[in-house]
PDB file of N, CA and C in Angstrom:
ATOM      1  N   LEU A   1     -83.466-148.493  29.406  1.00  0.00           N
ATOM      2  CA  LEU A   1     -83.528-146.939  29.022  1.00  0.00           C
ATOM      3  C   LEU A   1     -82.295-146.255  28.805  1.00  0.00           C
ATOM      4  N   ALA A   2     -81.335-146.830  28.955  1.00  0.00           N
ATOM      5  CA  ALA A   2     -79.883-146.249  28.760  1.00  0.00           C
ATOM      6  C   ALA A   2     -79.584-146.382  27.433  1.00  0.00           C
ATOM      7  N   GLY A   3     -80.071-147.088  26.577  1.00  0.00           N
ATOM      8  CA  GLY A   3     -79.540-146.989  24.986  1.00  0.00           C
ATOM      9  C   GLY A   3     -80.145-145.828  24.215  1.00  0.00           C
ATOM     10  N   PRO A   4     -79.836-145.850  23.093  1.00  0.00           N
ATOM     11  CA  PRO A   4     -78.832-146.741  22.445  1.00  0.00           C
ATOM     12  C   PRO A   4     -77.139-146.522  22.829  1.00  0.00           C
ATOM     13  N   GLY A   5     -76.504-147.482  22.900  1.00  0.00           N
ATOM     14  CA  GLY A   5     -75.073-147.280  23.549  1.00  0.00           C
ATOM     15  C   GLY A   5     -74.102-146.600  22.058  1.00  0.00           C
ATOM     16  N   PRO A   6     -73.153-146.357  22.529  1.00  0.00           N
ATOM     17  CA  PRO A   6     -72.317-145.396  21.313  1.00  0.00           C
ATOM     18  C   PRO A   6     -72.415-146.084  19.910  1.00  0.00           C
ATOM     19  N   GLU A   7     -72.413-147.818  20.294  1.00  0.00           N
ATOM     20  CA  GLU A   7     -72.138-148.460  18.460  1.00  0.00           C
ATOM     21  C   GLU A   7     -73.489-148.531  18.117  1.00  0.00           C
ATOM     22  N   GLU A   8     -74.791-148.233  18.865  1.00  0.00           N
ATOM     23  CA  GLU A   8     -76.194-148.200  18.272  1.00  0.00           C
ATOM     24  C   GLU A   8     -76.224-147.172  17.469  1.00  0.00           C
ATOM     25  N   ALA A   9     -75.645-145.866  18.585  1.00  0.00           N
ATOM     26  CA  ALA A   9     -75.822-144.706  18.017  1.00  0.00           C
ATOM     27  C   ALA A   9     -75.155-144.441  16.541  1.00  0.00           C
ATOM     28  N   ALA A  10     -74.048-144.619  16.610  1.00  0.00           N
ATOM     29  CA  ALA A  10     -73.210-144.709  15.332  1.00  0.00           C
ATOM     30  C   ALA A  10     -73.909-145.155  14.373  1.00  0.00           C
ATOM     31  N   ALA A  11     -74.711-146.510  14.366  1.00  0.00           N
ATOM     32  CA  ALA A  11     -75.042-146.988  13.511  1.00  0.00           C
ATOM     33  C   ALA A  11     -76.608-146.291  13.055  1.00  0.00           C
ATOM     34  N   GLY A  12     -76.883-145.520  13.758  1.00  0.00           N
ATOM     35  CA  GLY A  12     -78.350-144.387  13.416  1.00  0.00           C
ATOM     36  C   GLY A  12     -79.615-144.908  14.534  1.00  0.00           C
ATOM     37  N   ALA A  13     -78.957-145.663  15.429  1.00  0.00           N
ATOM     38  CA  ALA A  13     -80.320-145.997  16.310  1.00  0.00           C
ATOM     39  C   ALA A  13     -80.733-144.735  17.291  1.00  0.00           C
ATOM     40  N   THR A  14     -81.640-144.351  17.556  1.00  0.00           N
ATOM     41  CA  THR A  14     -82.086-143.202  18.523  1.00  0.00           C
ATOM     42  C   THR A  14     -83.395-144.117  19.499  1.00  0.00           C
ATOM     43  N   THR A  15     -83.733-143.004  20.403  1.00  0.00           N
ATOM     44  CA  THR A  15     -84.745-143.551  21.327  1.00  0.00           C
ATOM     45  C   THR A  15     -85.472-142.284  21.752  1.00  0.00           C
ATOM     46  N   ALA A  16     -86.921-142.630  21.462  1.00  0.00           N
ATOM     47  CA  ALA A  16     -87.745-141.522  21.955  1.00  0.00           C
ATOM     48  C   ALA A  16     -88.159-141.234  23.325  1.00  0.00           C
ATOM     49  N   LEU A  17     -87.458-142.351  24.366  1.00  0.00           N
ATOM     50  CA  LEU A  17     -87.941-142.559  25.725  1.00  0.00           C
ATOM     51  C   LEU A  17     -87.131-141.530  26.471  1.00  0.00           C
ATOM     52  N   PRO A  18     -87.477-141.090  27.944  1.00  0.00           N
ATOM     53  CA  PRO A  18     -86.999-140.174  28.342  1.00  0.00           C
ATOM     54  C   PRO A  18     -85.639-140.340  28.786  1.00  0.00           C
ATOM     55  N   ARG A  19     -84.641-139.577  29.157  1.00  0.00           N
ATOM     56  CA  ARG A  19     -83.334-139.802  29.659  1.00  0.00           C
ATOM     57  C   ARG A  19     -83.336-139.607  31.087  1.00  0.00           C
ATOM     58  N   GLY A  20     -82.303-140.333  32.058  1.00  0.00           N
ATOM     59  CA  GLY A  20     -82.336-140.065  33.450  1.00  0.00           C
ATOM     60  C   GLY A  20     -82.885-141.110  34.224  1.00  0.00           C
ATOM     61  N   GLY A  21     -82.723-141.205  35.422  1.00  0.00           N
ATOM     62  CA  GLY A  21     -83.438-142.252  36.214  1.00  0.00           C
ATOM     63  C   GLY A  21     -82.889-143.581  36.235  1.00  0.00           C
ATOM     64  N   THR A  22     -82.631-144.187  37.241  1.00  0.00           N
ATOM     65  CA  THR A  22     -81.788-145.126  37.157  1.00  0.00           C
ATOM     66  C   THR A  22     -83.149-146.578  37.177  1.00  0.00           C
ATOM     67  N   ARG A  23     -84.139-146.420  37.599  1.00  0.00           N
ATOM     68  CA  ARG A  23     -85.093-147.509  37.587  1.00  0.00           C
ATOM     69  C   ARG A  23     -85.754-147.441  36.551  1.00  0.00           C
ATOM     70  N   ALA A  24     -85.968-148.806  36.083  1.00  0.00           N
ATOM     71  CA  ALA A  24     -86.314-149.284  34.760  1.00  0.00           C
ATOM     72  C   ALA A  24     -87.561-149.774  34.887  1.00  0.00           C
ATOM     73  N   PRO A  25     -88.405-149.626  33.974  1.00  0.00           N
ATOM     74  CA  PRO A  25     -89.625-150.400  33.986  1.00  0.00           C
ATOM     75  C   PRO A  25     -89.812-151.764  34.463  1.00  0.00           C
ATOM     76  N   ARG A  26     -90.874-151.766  35.139  1.00  0.00           N
ATOM     77  CA  ARG A  26     -91.053-153.500  35.379  1.00  0.00           C
ATOM     78  C   ARG A  26     -92.475-154.139  34.334  1.00  0.00           C
ATOM     79  N   VAL A  27     -92.283-155.248  33.923  1.00  0.00           N
ATOM     80  CA  VAL A  27     -92.944-155.803  33.379  1.00  0.00           C
ATOM     81  C   VAL A  27     -93.887-156.944  33.861  1.00  0.00           C
ATOM     82  N   GLU A  28     -94.823-157.008  33.750  1.00  0.00           N
ATOM     83  CA  GLU A  28     -95.511-157.957  34.427  1.00  0.00           C
ATOM     84  C   GLU A  28     -96.360-158.835  33.559  1.00  0.00           C
ATOM     85  N   THR A  29     -96.745-159.982  33.781  1.00  0.00           N
ATOM     86  CA  THR A  29     -97.755-160.750  32.796  1.00  0.00           C
ATOM     87  C   THR A  29     -99.083-160.428  33.619  1.00  0.00           C
ATOM     88  N   GLU A  30    -100.097-160.257  33.091  1.00  0.00           N
ATOM     89  CA  GLU A  30    -101.542-159.981  33.475  1.00  0.00           C
ATOM     90  C   GLU A  30    -102.260-160.978  33.536  1.00  0.00           C
ATOM     91  N   ARG A  31    -102.273-161.699  32.089  1.00  0.00           N
ATOM     92  CA  ARG A  31    -102.938-162.908  31.959  1.00  0.00           C
ATOM     93  C   ARG A  31    -102.281-163.696  31.024  1.00  0.00           C
ATOM     94  N   SER A  32    -102.474-165.115  30.644  1.00  0.00           N
ATOM     95  CA  SER A  32    -102.063-165.621  29.554  1.00  0.00           C
ATOM     96  C   SER A  32    -102.957-166.445  28.824  1.00  0.00           C
ATOM     97  N   GLY A  33    -102.686-166.180  27.518  1.00  0.00           N
ATOM     98  CA  GLY A  33    -103.489-166.769  26.473  1.00  0.00           C
ATOM     99  C   GLY A  33    -102.663-167.589  25.258  1.00  0.00           C
ATOM    100  N   PRO A  34    -103.378-168.671  24.465  1.00  0.00           N
ATOM    101  CA  PRO A  34    -102.759-169.207  23.809  1.00  0.00           C
ATOM    102  C   PRO A  34    -102.042-168.357  22.651  1.00  0.00           C
ATOM    103  N   SER A  35    -102.884-167.414  22.226  1.00  0.00           N
ATOM    104  CA  SER A  35    -102.546-166.635  20.953  1.00  0.00           C
ATOM    105  C   SER A  35    -101.756-165.233  21.517  1.00  0.00           C
ATOM    106  N   ALA A  36    -101.889-164.505  22.721  1.00  0.00           N
ATOM    107  CA  ALA A  36    -101.235-163.350  22.914  1.00  0.00           C
ATOM    108  C   ALA A  36    -101.733-162.974  24.338  1.00  0.00           C
ATOM    109  N   PRO A  37    -100.325-163.313  24.795  1.00  0.00           N
ATOM    110  CA  PRO A  37    -100.502-162.931  26.629  1.00  0.00           C
ATOM    111  C   PRO A  37    -101.027-161.377  26.678  1.00  0.00           C
ATOM    112  N   ALA A  38    -101.216-161.012  27.756  1.00  0.00           N
ATOM    113  CA  ALA A  38    -100.909-159.823  28.269  1.00  0.00           C
ATOM    114  C   ALA A  38     -99.849-159.342  28.935  1.00  0.00           C
ATOM    115  N   LEU A  39     -99.259-158.213  28.704  1.00  0.00           N
ATOM    116  CA  LEU A  39     -98.270-157.596  29.714  1.00  0.00           C
ATOM    117  C   LEU A  39     -98.315-156.432  30.022  1.00  0.00           C
ATOM    118  N   ARG A  40     -98.046-155.998  31.249  1.00  0.00           N
ATOM    119  CA  ARG A  40     -98.124-154.552  31.969  1.00  0.00           C
ATOM    120  C   ARG A  40     -96.822-154.104  32.134  1.00  0.00           C
ATOM    121  N   ILE A  41     -96.446-152.952  31.540  1.00  0.00           N
ATOM    122  CA  ILE A  41     -95.514-152.265  31.736  1.00  0.00           C
ATOM    123  C   ILE A  41     -95.482-151.053  32.832  1.00  0.00           C
ATOM    124  N   LYS A  42     -94.833-151.025  33.888  1.00  0.00           N
ATOM    125  CA  LYS A  42     -94.981-150.033  34.834  1.00  0.00           C
ATOM    126  C   LYS A  42     -93.893-149.426  34.890  1.00  0.00           C
ATOM    127  N   ALA A  43     -94.201-148.126  33.923  1.00  0.00           N
ATOM    128  CA  ALA A  43     -93.024-147.011  34.342  1.00  0.00           C
ATOM    129  C   ALA A  43     -92.714-146.286  35.153  1.00  0.00           C
ATOM    130  N   PRO A  44     -91.372-145.683  35.964  1.00  0.00           N
ATOM    131  CA  PRO A  44     -91.165-144.927  36.517  1.00  0.00           C
ATOM    132  C   PRO A  44     -91.374-143.603  36.312  1.00  0.00           C
ATOM    133  N   PHE A  45     -91.924-143.226  35.035  1.00  0.00           N
ATOM    134  CA  PHE A  45     -92.185-142.084  34.543  1.00  0.00           C
ATOM    135  C   PHE A  45     -93.344-141.555  33.969  1.00  0.00           C
ATOM    136  N   PRO A  46     -93.963-140.362  34.132  1.00  0.00           N
ATOM    137  CA  PRO A  46     -95.042-140.353  33.423  1.00  0.00           C
ATOM    138  C   PRO A  46     -95.216-140.643  31.616  1.00  0.00           C
ATOM    139  N   VAL A  47     -96.427-141.327  31.406  1.00  0.00           N
ATOM    140  CA  VAL A  47     -96.382-141.839  30.155  1.00  0.00           C
ATOM    141  C   VAL A  47     -97.658-141.216  29.280  1.00  0.00           C
ATOM    142  N   GLY A  48     -98.355-140.493  29.931  1.00  0.00           N
ATOM    143  CA  GLY A  48     -99.362-139.719  29.229  1.00  0.00           C
ATOM    144  C   GLY A  48     -99.148-138.618  28.114  1.00  0.00           C
ATOM    145  N   ASN A  49     -97.717-137.916  28.035  1.00  0.00           N
ATOM    146  CA  ASN A  49     -97.511-137.283  27.052  1.00  0.00           C
ATOM    147  C   ASN A  49     -96.100-138.044  26.166  1.00  0.00           C
ATOM    148  N   LEU A  50     -95.832-139.084  26.310  1.00  0.00           N
ATOM    149  CA  LEU A  50     -95.089-140.013  25.664  1.00  0.00           C
ATOM    150  C   LEU A  50     -95.378-139.811  24.170  1.00  0.00           C
ATOM    151  N   PRO A  51     -94.284-139.638  23.223  1.00  0.00           N
ATOM    152  CA  PRO A  51     -94.238-139.508  21.427  1.00  0.00           C
ATOM    153  C   PRO A  51     -94.876-141.231  21.094  1.00  0.00           C
ATOM    154  N   GLU A  52     -95.625-141.343  20.291  1.00  0.00           N
ATOM    155  CA  GLU A  52     -95.908-142.280  19.906  1.00  0.00           C
ATOM    156  C   GLU A  52     -94.849-143.444  20.001  1.00  0.00           C
ATOM    157  N   THR A  53     -93.759-142.794  19.171  1.00  0.00           N
ATOM    158  CA  THR A  53     -92.622-143.903  18.842  1.00  0.00           C
ATOM    159  C   THR A  53     -92.093-144.383  20.406  1.00  0.00           C
ATOM    160  N   ALA A  54     -91.832-143.490  21.223  1.00  0.00           N
ATOM    161  CA  ALA A  54     -91.534-144.061  22.461  1.00  0.00           C
ATOM    162  C   ALA A  54     -92.383-145.169  23.096  1.00  0.00           C
ATOM    163  N   VAL A  55     -93.943-144.982  23.147  1.00  0.00           N
ATOM    164  CA  VAL A  55     -94.804-145.999  23.335  1.00  0.00           C
ATOM    165  C   VAL A  55     -94.348-147.044  22.504  1.00  0.00           C
ATOM    166  N   ARG A  56     -94.391-147.141  21.198  1.00  0.00           N
ATOM    167  CA  ARG A  56     -94.203-148.258  20.414  1.00  0.00           C
ATOM    168  C   ARG A  56     -92.624-149.085  20.688  1.00  0.00           C
ATOM    169  N   GLN A  57     -91.618-148.118  21.345  1.00  0.00           N
ATOM    170  CA  GLN A  57     -90.784-148.914  21.790  1.00  0.00           C
ATOM    171  C   GLN A  57     -90.717-149.695  22.923  1.00  0.00           C
ATOM    172  N   LEU A  58     -91.541-149.237  24.020  1.00  0.00           N
ATOM    173  CA  LEU A  58     -91.957-149.758  24.952  1.00  0.00           C
ATOM    174  C   LEU A  58     -92.585-151.101  24.377  1.00  0.00           C
ATOM    175  N   VAL A  59     -93.615-150.915  24.012  1.00  0.00           N
ATOM    176  CA  VAL A  59     -94.770-151.857  23.548  1.00  0.00           C
ATOM    177  C   VAL A  59     -93.969-153.203  22.831  1.00  0.00           C
ATOM    178  N   CYS A  60     -92.904-152.867  21.682  1.00  0.00           N
ATOM    179  CA  CYS A  60     -92.390-153.894  20.810  1.00  0.00           C
ATOM    180  C   CYS A  60     -91.397-154.574  21.779  1.00  0.00           C
ATOM    181  N   THR A  61     -90.560-153.960  22.459  1.00  0.00           N
ATOM    182  CA  THR A  61     -89.617-154.117  23.489  1.00  0.00           C
ATOM    183  C   THR A  61     -90.121-155.376  24.235  1.00  0.00           C
ATOM    184  N   ALA A  62     -91.018-155.189  25.204  1.00  0.00           N
ATOM    185  CA  ALA A  62     -91.488-155.948  26.130  1.00  0.00           C
ATOM    186  C   ALA A  62     -92.310-157.310  25.508  1.00  0.00           C
ATOM    187  N   ALA A  63     -92.556-157.068  23.992  1.00  0.00           N
ATOM    188  CA  ALA A  63     -93.546-158.038  23.409  1.00  0.00           C
ATOM    189  C   ALA A  63     -92.435-158.982  23.027  1.00  0.00           C
ATOM    190  N   TYR A  64     -91.387-158.561  22.057  1.00  0.00           N
ATOM    191  CA  TYR A  64     -90.504-159.372  21.565  1.00  0.00           C
ATOM    192  C   TYR A  64     -89.767-160.145  22.801  1.00  0.00           C
ATOM    193  N   ALA A  65     -89.370-159.237  23.917  1.00  0.00           N
ATOM    194  CA  ALA A  65     -88.680-160.257  24.761  1.00  0.00           C
ATOM    195  C   ALA A  65     -89.653-161.297  25.674  1.00  0.00           C
ATOM    196  N   HIS A  66     -90.890-160.700  25.773  1.00  0.00           N
ATOM    197  CA  HIS A  66     -91.586-162.045  26.127  1.00  0.00           C
ATOM    198  C   HIS A  66     -91.904-163.205  25.169  1.00  0.00           C
ATOM    199  N   HIS A  67     -91.831-162.990  23.872  1.00  0.00           N
ATOM    200  CA  HIS A  67     -92.260-164.156  22.956  1.00  0.00           C
ATOM    201  C   HIS A  67     -91.568-163.883  21.910  1.00  0.00           C
ATOM    202  N   PRO A  68     -90.865-164.795  21.070  1.00  0.00           N
ATOM    203  CA  PRO A  68     -90.378-164.705  19.773  1.00  0.00           C
ATOM    204  C   PRO A  68     -90.737-164.006  18.731  1.00  0.00           C
ATOM    205  N   THR A  69     -92.422-164.095  18.710  1.00  0.00           N
ATOM    206  CA  THR A  69     -93.264-163.618  17.635  1.00  0.00           C
ATOM    207  C   THR A  69     -93.601-162.038  18.016  1.00  0.00           C
ATOM    208  N   GLY A  70     -93.495-161.673  19.199  1.00  0.00           N
ATOM    209  CA  GLY A  70     -93.869-160.417  19.580  1.00  0.00           C
ATOM    210  C   GLY A  70     -95.523-160.264  19.619  1.00  0.00           C
ATOM    211  N   ARG A  71     -96.001-161.556  19.777  1.00  0.00           N
ATOM    212  CA  ARG A  71     -97.562-161.235  19.763  1.00  0.00           C
ATOM    213  C   ARG A  71     -97.754-161.258  21.345  1.00  0.00           C
ATOM    214  N   ALA A  72     -98.116-159.964  21.800  1.00  0.00           N
ATOM    215  CA  ALA A  72     -98.782-159.668  22.892  1.00  0.00           C
ATOM    216  C   ALA A  72     -99.436-158.701  23.101  1.00  0.00           C
ATOM    217  N   GLU A  73    -100.424-158.392  23.881  1.00  0.00           N
ATOM    218  CA  GLU A  73    -101.107-157.229  24.165  1.00  0.00           C
ATOM    219  C   GLU A  73    -100.231-156.664  25.340  1.00  0.00           C
ATOM    220  N   VAL A  74    -100.076-155.283  25.010  1.00  0.00           N
ATOM    221  CA  VAL A  74     -99.232-154.547  26.245  1.00  0.00           C
ATOM    222  C   VAL A  74     -99.772-153.278  26.488  1.00  0.00           C
ATOM    223  N   THR A  75     -99.890-153.171  27.873  1.00  0.00           N
ATOM    224  CA  THR A  75    -100.584-152.106  28.677  1.00  0.00           C
ATOM    225  C   THR A  75     -99.434-151.178  29.224  1.00  0.00           C
ATOM    226  N   VAL A  76     -98.884-150.074  28.992  1.00  0.00           N
ATOM    227  CA  VAL A  76     -98.312-149.104  29.423  1.00  0.00           C
ATOM    228  C   VAL A  76     -98.705-147.956  30.807  1.00  0.00           C
ATOM    229  N   ALA A  77     -97.972-148.468  31.835  1.00  0.00           N
ATOM    230  CA  ALA A  77     -98.606-147.527  32.897  1.00  0.00           C
ATOM    231  C   ALA A  77     -97.627-146.728  33.467  1.00  0.00           C
ATOM    232  N   GLY A  78     -97.984-145.608  34.001  1.00  0.00           N
ATOM    233  CA  GLY A  78     -97.074-144.521  34.845  1.00  0.00           C
ATOM    234  C   GLY A  78     -97.489-143.838  35.862  1.00  0.00           C
ATOM    235  N   PRO A  79     -96.799-143.142  36.597  1.00  0.00           N
ATOM    236  CA  PRO A  79     -97.329-142.489  37.688  1.00  0.00           C
ATOM    237  C   PRO A  79     -98.670-141.415  37.419  1.00  0.00           C
ATOM    238  N   ASP A  80     -98.960-141.026  36.005  1.00  0.00           N
ATOM    239  CA  ASP A  80     -99.774-140.266  35.566  1.00  0.00           C
ATOM    240  C   ASP A  80    -100.842-141.137  34.935  1.00  0.00           C
ATOM    241  N   GLY A  81    -101.049-142.273  35.236  1.00  0.00           N
ATOM    242  CA  GLY A  81    -101.976-143.103  34.357  1.00  0.00           C
ATOM    243  C   GLY A  81    -101.721-144.280  33.343  1.00  0.00           C
ATOM    244  N   THR A  82    -102.561-144.802  32.906  1.00  0.00           N
ATOM    245  CA  THR A  82    -102.166-145.937  31.950  1.00  0.00           C
ATOM    246  C   THR A  82    -103.109-145.809  30.684  1.00  0.00           C
ATOM    247  N   LEU A  83    -102.131-146.147  29.517  1.00  0.00           N
ATOM    248  CA  LEU A  83    -102.348-145.945  28.217  1.00  0.00           C
ATOM    249  C   LEU A  83    -103.203-147.363  28.052  1.00  0.00           C
ATOM    250  N   PRO A  84    -104.291-147.055  26.678  1.00  0.00           N
ATOM    251  CA  PRO A  84    -104.682-148.039  25.970  1.00  0.00           C
ATOM    252  C   PRO A  84    -103.571-149.183  25.566  1.00  0.00           C
ATOM    253  N   ALA A  85    -104.529-150.543  25.929  1.00  0.00           N
ATOM    254  CA  ALA A  85    -103.703-151.397  25.502  1.00  0.00           C
ATOM    255  C   ALA A  85    -103.241-151.428  23.985  1.00  0.00           C
ATOM    256  N   ALA A  86    -101.801-152.134  23.615  1.00  0.00           N
ATOM    257  CA  ALA A  86    -101.266-151.764  22.331  1.00  0.00           C
ATOM    258  C   ALA A  86    -100.433-153.173  21.942  1.00  0.00           C
ATOM    259  N   ARG A  87    -100.509-153.523  20.807  1.00  0.00           N
ATOM    260  CA  ARG A  87     -99.828-154.676  20.076  1.00  0.00           C
ATOM    261  C   ARG A  87     -98.727-154.058  19.134  1.00  0.00           C
ATOM    262  N   CYS A  88     -97.691-154.529  19.144  1.00  0.00           N
ATOM    263  CA  CYS A  88     -96.355-154.319  18.420  1.00  0.00           C
ATOM    264  C   CYS A  88     -97.126-153.874  16.851  1.00  0.00           C
ATOM    265  N   GLU A  89     -97.664-155.190  16.692  1.00  0.00           N
ATOM    266  CA  GLU A  89     -98.264-154.846  15.053  1.00  0.00           C
ATOM    267  C   GLU A  89     -99.200-154.028  14.971  1.00  0.00           C
ATOM    268  N   ASP A  90     -99.592-153.061  15.641  1.00  0.00           N
ATOM    269  CA  ASP A  90    -100.657-152.198  15.497  1.00  0.00           C
ATOM    270  C   ASP A  90     -99.824-151.306  14.997  1.00  0.00           C
TER     271      ASP A  90
END
């Protein structure tokens, strides 16, 4: 959540995720399937009002970190509730 770094920012990268805090979201595997495993991101910040781009950042980062094709169903949860499951290609 600390990014983008100076070089990334200079290249035009931005983030829609909230700044601050030292706790990173936890990613857990909920179940595994041959085509698309299910992942759950537990964020230390409220997720209900996150912009769509922020949710997509979390979903796609977790999906591609888990598998090179990015094929995973990802649920994002925070202290204020859980968002509907999403896929990076959605």
